[in-house]
Amino acid sequence: MLLAMNSSLAALQARQTLEKMTRLRNEIQVFAMHAKMLNSTSKNLDSLSLLDEATRLLRSLGSARLEFQGAESKIDSLSRALPSRPPQGGGMSPAAQWVPELRAASRQFAEAVRGAEAALQQLRGTALAGLNSPTRTPTAPDNLFDVLLNFTDLLSRWVEHYRQTHPK
């Protein structure tokens, strides 16, 4: 009785872990699609906003990777906990059923992460190129420090203009 309960608990944990791994893989694929879409429409968006969004997506990717590592760490313990003998009614053993699926989910997640990292790197590169573009129009200041920097820039340009128009 206890062995059967332990077996069904391990199978339930394997199912939950597989669902979590699949959910995280899907989230990563959405991050990659979002980054690709933003990159393709980058000419219509402010480069600073693109860079902020790339940074936010990268943080989300890091959080998903940490959450996935927690789920992935359970694979070995689940493979030991799942019975390797087929059930009395026949069919596949729980270990033969769940362990390959969990390992495949781990490989698929790693592949999705590589794709998302490439898309985010491309988006970041596009945003940085846009920020360094000489034709970029600056964004409006949104805090006191930015206002102060803009004022000092304006003052130095005025002094420079005055010196050029009124030589000694």
C-alpha atoms as a PDB file:
ATOM      1  CA  MET A   1       0.000   0.000   0.000  1.00  0.00           C
ATOM      2  CA  LEU A   2       2.757   2.428   0.980  1.00  0.00           C
ATOM      3  CA  LEU A   3       4.766   1.568  -2.150  1.00  0.00           C
ATOM      4  CA  ALA A   4       1.748   2.220  -4.377  1.00  0.00           C
ATOM      5  CA  MET A   5       1.116   5.565  -2.665  1.00  0.00           C
ATOM      6  CA  ASN A   6       4.788   6.498  -2.989  1.00  0.00           C
ATOM      7  CA  SER A   7       4.699   5.540  -6.665  1.00  0.00           C
ATOM      8  CA  SER A   8       1.620   7.617  -7.404  1.00  0.00           C
ATOM      9  CA  LEU A   9       3.098  10.581  -5.491  1.00  0.00           C
ATOM     10  CA  ALA A  10       6.291  10.362  -7.542  1.00  0.00           C
ATOM     11  CA  ALA A  11       4.240  10.177 -10.760  1.00  0.00           C
ATOM     12  CA  LEU A  12       2.255  13.234  -9.672  1.00  0.00           C
ATOM     13  CA  GLN A  13       5.471  15.133  -8.927  1.00  0.00           C
ATOM     14  CA  ALA A  14       6.858  14.106 -12.313  1.00  0.00           C
ATOM     15  CA  ARG A  15       3.700  15.356 -14.041  1.00  0.00           C
ATOM     16  CA  GLN A  16       3.811  18.675 -12.150  1.00  0.00           C
ATOM     17  CA  THR A  17       7.509  19.114 -12.888  1.00  0.00           C
ATOM     18  CA  LEU A  18       6.958  18.406 -16.580  1.00  0.00           C
ATOM     19  CA  GLU A  19       4.089  20.921 -16.693  1.00  0.00           C
ATOM     20  CA  LYS A  20       6.270  23.551 -15.011  1.00  0.00           C
ATOM     21  CA  MET A  21       9.128  22.910 -17.442  1.00  0.00           C
ATOM     22  CA  THR A  22       6.764  23.178 -20.400  1.00  0.00           C
ATOM     23  CA  ARG A  23       5.239  26.406 -19.055  1.00  0.00           C
ATOM     24  CA  LEU A  24       8.680  27.948 -18.587  1.00  0.00           C
ATOM     25  CA  ARG A  25       9.784  26.874 -22.068  1.00  0.00           C
ATOM     26  CA  ASN A  26       6.667  28.507 -23.526  1.00  0.00           C
ATOM     27  CA  GLU A  27       7.393  31.712 -21.587  1.00  0.00           C
ATOM     28  CA  ILE A  28      10.921  31.780 -22.988  1.00  0.00           C
ATOM     29  CA  GLN A  29       9.604  31.304 -26.508  1.00  0.00           C
ATOM     30  CA  VAL A  30       7.227  34.237 -25.956  1.00  0.00           C
ATOM     31  CA  PHE A  31      10.193  36.374 -24.781  1.00  0.00           C
ATOM     32  CA  ALA A  32      12.046  35.494 -27.976  1.00  0.00           C
ATOM     33  CA  MET A  33       9.057  36.288 -30.205  1.00  0.00           C
ATOM     34  CA  HIS A  34       8.533  39.599 -28.384  1.00  0.00           C
ATOM     35  CA  ALA A  35      12.197  40.539 -28.841  1.00  0.00           C
ATOM     36  CA  LYS A  36      12.088  39.629 -32.551  1.00  0.00           C
ATOM     37  CA  MET A  37       8.910  41.656 -33.062  1.00  0.00           C
ATOM     38  CA  LEU A  38      10.398  44.678 -31.297  1.00  0.00           C
ATOM     39  CA  ASN A  39      13.572  44.340 -33.338  1.00  0.00           C
ATOM     40  CA  SER A  40      11.626  44.272 -36.593  1.00  0.00           C
ATOM     41  CA  THR A  41       9.702  47.437 -35.656  1.00  0.00           C
ATOM     42  CA  SER A  42      12.689  49.200 -34.066  1.00  0.00           C
ATOM     43  CA  LYS A  43      12.640  52.045 -36.580  1.00  0.00           C
ATOM     44  CA  ASN A  44       9.301  53.182 -35.160  1.00  0.00           C
ATOM     45  CA  LEU A  45      10.352  53.016 -31.499  1.00  0.00           C
ATOM     46  CA  ASP A  46      12.671  55.053 -29.320  1.00  0.00           C
ATOM     47  CA  SER A  47      16.011  53.310 -28.811  1.00  0.00           C
ATOM     48  CA  LEU A  48      16.026  54.019 -25.085  1.00  0.00           C
ATOM     49  CA  SER A  49      12.646  52.319 -24.724  1.00  0.00           C
ATOM     50  CA  LEU A  50      13.954  49.367 -26.735  1.00  0.00           C
ATOM     51  CA  LEU A  51      16.951  49.067 -24.461  1.00  0.00           C
ATOM     52  CA  ASP A  52      14.733  49.234 -21.365  1.00  0.00           C
ATOM     53  CA  GLU A  53      12.479  46.513 -22.769  1.00  0.00           C
ATOM     54  CA  ALA A  54      15.479  44.338 -23.689  1.00  0.00           C
ATOM     55  CA  THR A  55      16.748  44.717 -20.127  1.00  0.00           C
ATOM     56  CA  ARG A  56      13.337  43.808 -18.691  1.00  0.00           C
ATOM     57  CA  LEU A  57      13.115  40.745 -20.939  1.00  0.00           C
ATOM     58  CA  LEU A  58      16.620  39.692 -19.944  1.00  0.00           C
ATOM     59  CA  ARG A  59      15.681  39.920 -16.250  1.00  0.00           C
ATOM     60  CA  SER A  60      12.572  37.828 -16.927  1.00  0.00           C
ATOM     61  CA  LEU A  61      14.707  35.306 -18.779  1.00  0.00           C
ATOM     62  CA  GLY A  62      17.045  35.084 -15.795  1.00  0.00           C
ATOM     63  CA  SER A  63      14.125  34.552 -13.414  1.00  0.00           C
ATOM     64  CA  ALA A  64      12.703  31.823 -15.646  1.00  0.00           C
ATOM     65  CA  ARG A  65      16.100  30.117 -15.795  1.00  0.00           C
ATOM     66  CA  LEU A  66      16.358  30.104 -12.001  1.00  0.00           C
ATOM     67  CA  GLU A  67      12.850  28.697 -11.676  1.00  0.00           C
ATOM     68  CA  PHE A  68      13.677  26.061 -14.279  1.00  0.00           C
ATOM     69  CA  GLN A  69      16.835  25.025 -12.442  1.00  0.00           C
ATOM     70  CA  GLY A  70      14.680  24.238  -9.423  1.00  0.00           C
ATOM     71  CA  ALA A  71      12.434  22.036 -11.532  1.00  0.00           C
ATOM     72  CA  GLU A  72      15.344  20.443 -13.377  1.00  0.00           C
ATOM     73  CA  SER A  73      17.071  19.523 -10.140  1.00  0.00           C
ATOM     74  CA  LYS A  74      14.186  17.181  -9.375  1.00  0.00           C
ATOM     75  CA  ILE A  75      14.779  14.965 -12.428  1.00  0.00           C
ATOM     76  CA  ASP A  76      17.391  12.722 -10.807  1.00  0.00           C
ATOM     77  CA  SER A  77      15.460  12.295  -7.571  1.00  0.00           C
ATOM     78  CA  LEU A  78      12.269  11.588  -9.507  1.00  0.00           C
ATOM     79  CA  SER A  79      14.013   9.014 -11.684  1.00  0.00           C
ATOM     80  CA  ARG A  80      15.057   7.184  -8.515  1.00  0.00           C
ATOM     81  CA  ALA A  81      11.622   7.535  -6.884  1.00  0.00           C
ATOM     82  CA  LEU A  82       9.612   6.324  -9.872  1.00  0.00           C
ATOM     83  CA  PRO A  83       9.207   2.539 -10.023  1.00  0.00           C
ATOM     84  CA  SER A  84      11.066   0.893 -12.875  1.00  0.00           C
ATOM     85  CA  ARG A  85       8.762  -2.122 -12.976  1.00  0.00           C
ATOM     86  CA  PRO A  86       5.668  -1.995 -15.140  1.00  0.00           C
ATOM     87  CA  PRO A  87       2.319  -1.909 -13.335  1.00  0.00           C
ATOM     88  CA  GLN A  88       0.481  -5.167 -12.767  1.00  0.00           C
ATOM     89  CA  GLY A  89      -2.025  -4.439 -15.530  1.00  0.00           C
ATOM     90  CA  GLY A  90       0.802  -4.041 -18.072  1.00  0.00           C
ATOM     91  CA  GLY A  91       2.091  -1.036 -19.926  1.00  0.00           C
ATOM     92  CA  MET A  92       5.131   1.151 -19.410  1.00  0.00           C
ATOM     93  CA  SER A  93       6.748   1.598 -16.065  1.00  0.00           C
ATOM     94  CA  PRO A  94       6.403   5.097 -14.573  1.00  0.00           C
ATOM     95  CA  ALA A  95      10.180   5.607 -14.812  1.00  0.00           C
ATOM     96  CA  ALA A  96      10.203   4.662 -18.501  1.00  0.00           C
ATOM     97  CA  GLN A  97       7.281   6.999 -19.094  1.00  0.00           C
ATOM     98  CA  TRP A  98       8.330  10.141 -17.201  1.00  0.00           C
ATOM     99  CA  VAL A  99      12.134  10.285 -17.129  1.00  0.00           C
ATOM    100  CA  PRO A 100      12.645  10.557 -20.923  1.00  0.00           C
ATOM    101  CA  GLU A 101       9.940  13.229 -21.094  1.00  0.00           C
ATOM    102  CA  LEU A 102      11.585  15.226 -18.315  1.00  0.00           C
ATOM    103  CA  ARG A 103      15.000  15.013 -19.969  1.00  0.00           C
ATOM    104  CA  ALA A 104      13.517  15.998 -23.332  1.00  0.00           C
ATOM    105  CA  ALA A 105      11.804  18.977 -21.689  1.00  0.00           C
ATOM    106  CA  SER A 106      15.167  19.986 -20.242  1.00  0.00           C
ATOM    107  CA  ARG A 107      16.815  19.884 -23.689  1.00  0.00           C
ATOM    108  CA  GLN A 108      13.929  21.809 -25.263  1.00  0.00           C
ATOM    109  CA  PHE A 109      14.190  24.481 -22.599  1.00  0.00           C
ATOM    110  CA  ALA A 110      17.924  24.869 -23.197  1.00  0.00           C
ATOM    111  CA  GLU A 111      17.262  25.264 -26.920  1.00  0.00           C
ATOM    112  CA  ALA A 112      14.533  27.853 -26.276  1.00  0.00           C
ATOM    113  CA  VAL A 113      16.900  29.797 -23.982  1.00  0.00           C
ATOM    114  CA  ARG A 114      19.601  29.885 -26.664  1.00  0.00           C
ATOM    115  CA  GLY A 115      17.075  31.243 -29.170  1.00  0.00           C
ATOM    116  CA  ALA A 116      15.776  33.837 -26.720  1.00  0.00           C
ATOM    117  CA  GLU A 117      19.283  34.957 -25.784  1.00  0.00           C
ATOM    118  CA  ALA A 118      20.144  35.407 -29.465  1.00  0.00           C
ATOM    119  CA  ALA A 119      16.964  37.433 -30.071  1.00  0.00           C
ATOM    120  CA  LEU A 120      17.592  39.573 -26.983  1.00  0.00           C
ATOM    121  CA  GLN A 121      21.214  40.153 -27.974  1.00  0.00           C
ATOM    122  CA  GLN A 122      20.076  41.277 -31.419  1.00  0.00           C
ATOM    123  CA  LEU A 123      17.456  43.603 -29.884  1.00  0.00           C
ATOM    124  CA  ARG A 124      20.046  45.029 -27.507  1.00  0.00           C
ATOM    125  CA  GLY A 125      22.454  45.611 -30.385  1.00  0.00           C
ATOM    126  CA  THR A 126      19.757  47.391 -32.384  1.00  0.00           C
ATOM    127  CA  ALA A 127      18.847  49.561 -29.397  1.00  0.00           C
ATOM    128  CA  LEU A 128      22.472  50.494 -28.731  1.00  0.00           C
ATOM    129  CA  ALA A 129      23.042  51.295 -32.402  1.00  0.00           C
ATOM    130  CA  GLY A 130      19.973  53.524 -32.310  1.00  0.00           C
ATOM    131  CA  LEU A 131      21.163  55.271 -29.158  1.00  0.00           C
ATOM    132  CA  ASN A 132      24.520  55.999 -30.785  1.00  0.00           C
ATOM    133  CA  SER A 133      22.959  57.215 -34.030  1.00  0.00           C
ATOM    134  CA  PRO A 134      23.792  60.846 -34.811  1.00  0.00           C
ATOM    135  CA  THR A 135      20.253  61.403 -36.102  1.00  0.00           C
ATOM    136  CA  ARG A 136      18.570  60.254 -32.877  1.00  0.00           C
ATOM    137  CA  THR A 137      16.401  62.834 -31.188  1.00  0.00           C
ATOM    138  CA  PRO A 138      16.859  62.835 -27.422  1.00  0.00           C
ATOM    139  CA  THR A 139      14.052  61.935 -25.088  1.00  0.00           C
ATOM    140  CA  ALA A 140      12.614  64.517 -22.730  1.00  0.00           C
ATOM    141  CA  PRO A 141      14.153  64.672 -19.247  1.00  0.00           C
ATOM    142  CA  ASP A 142      12.090  62.831 -16.668  1.00  0.00           C
ATOM    143  CA  ASN A 143      13.863  63.654 -13.411  1.00  0.00           C
ATOM    144  CA  LEU A 144      15.674  66.536 -11.778  1.00  0.00           C
ATOM    145  CA  PHE A 145      19.133  65.192 -12.551  1.00  0.00           C
ATOM    146  CA  ASP A 146      18.323  64.967 -16.283  1.00  0.00           C
ATOM    147  CA  VAL A 147      16.946  68.501 -16.214  1.00  0.00           C
ATOM    148  CA  LEU A 148      20.150  69.710 -14.551  1.00  0.00           C
ATOM    149  CA  LEU A 149      22.307  67.926 -17.130  1.00  0.00           C
ATOM    150  CA  ASN A 150      20.264  69.393 -19.986  1.00  0.00           C
ATOM    151  CA  PHE A 151      20.551  72.858 -18.464  1.00  0.00           C
ATOM    152  CA  THR A 152      24.353  72.610 -18.135  1.00  0.00           C
ATOM    153  CA  ASP A 153      24.541  71.323 -21.720  1.00  0.00           C
ATOM    154  CA  LEU A 154      22.444  74.279 -22.903  1.00  0.00           C
ATOM    155  CA  LEU A 155      24.572  76.708 -20.904  1.00  0.00           C
ATOM    156  CA  SER A 156      27.833  75.329 -22.307  1.00  0.00           C
ATOM    157  CA  ARG A 157      26.464  75.518 -25.862  1.00  0.00           C
ATOM    158  CA  TRP A 158      25.404  79.140 -25.280  1.00  0.00           C
ATOM    159  CA  VAL A 159      28.866  80.037 -23.931  1.00  0.00           C
ATOM    160  CA  GLU A 160      30.485  78.306 -26.907  1.00  0.00           C
ATOM    161  CA  HIS A 161      28.214  80.184 -29.333  1.00  0.00           C
ATOM    162  CA  TYR A 162      28.917  83.494 -27.592  1.00  0.00           C
ATOM    163  CA  ARG A 163      32.686  82.961 -27.837  1.00  0.00           C
ATOM    164  CA  GLN A 164      32.414  82.193 -31.556  1.00  0.00           C
ATOM    165  CA  THR A 165      30.277  85.217 -32.374  1.00  0.00           C
ATOM    166  CA  HIS A 166      32.154  87.707 -30.126  1.00  0.00           C
ATOM    167  CA  PRO A 167      35.870  87.028 -30.500  1.00  0.00           C
ATOM    168  CA  LYS A 168      38.241  89.118 -28.365  1.00  0.00           C
END
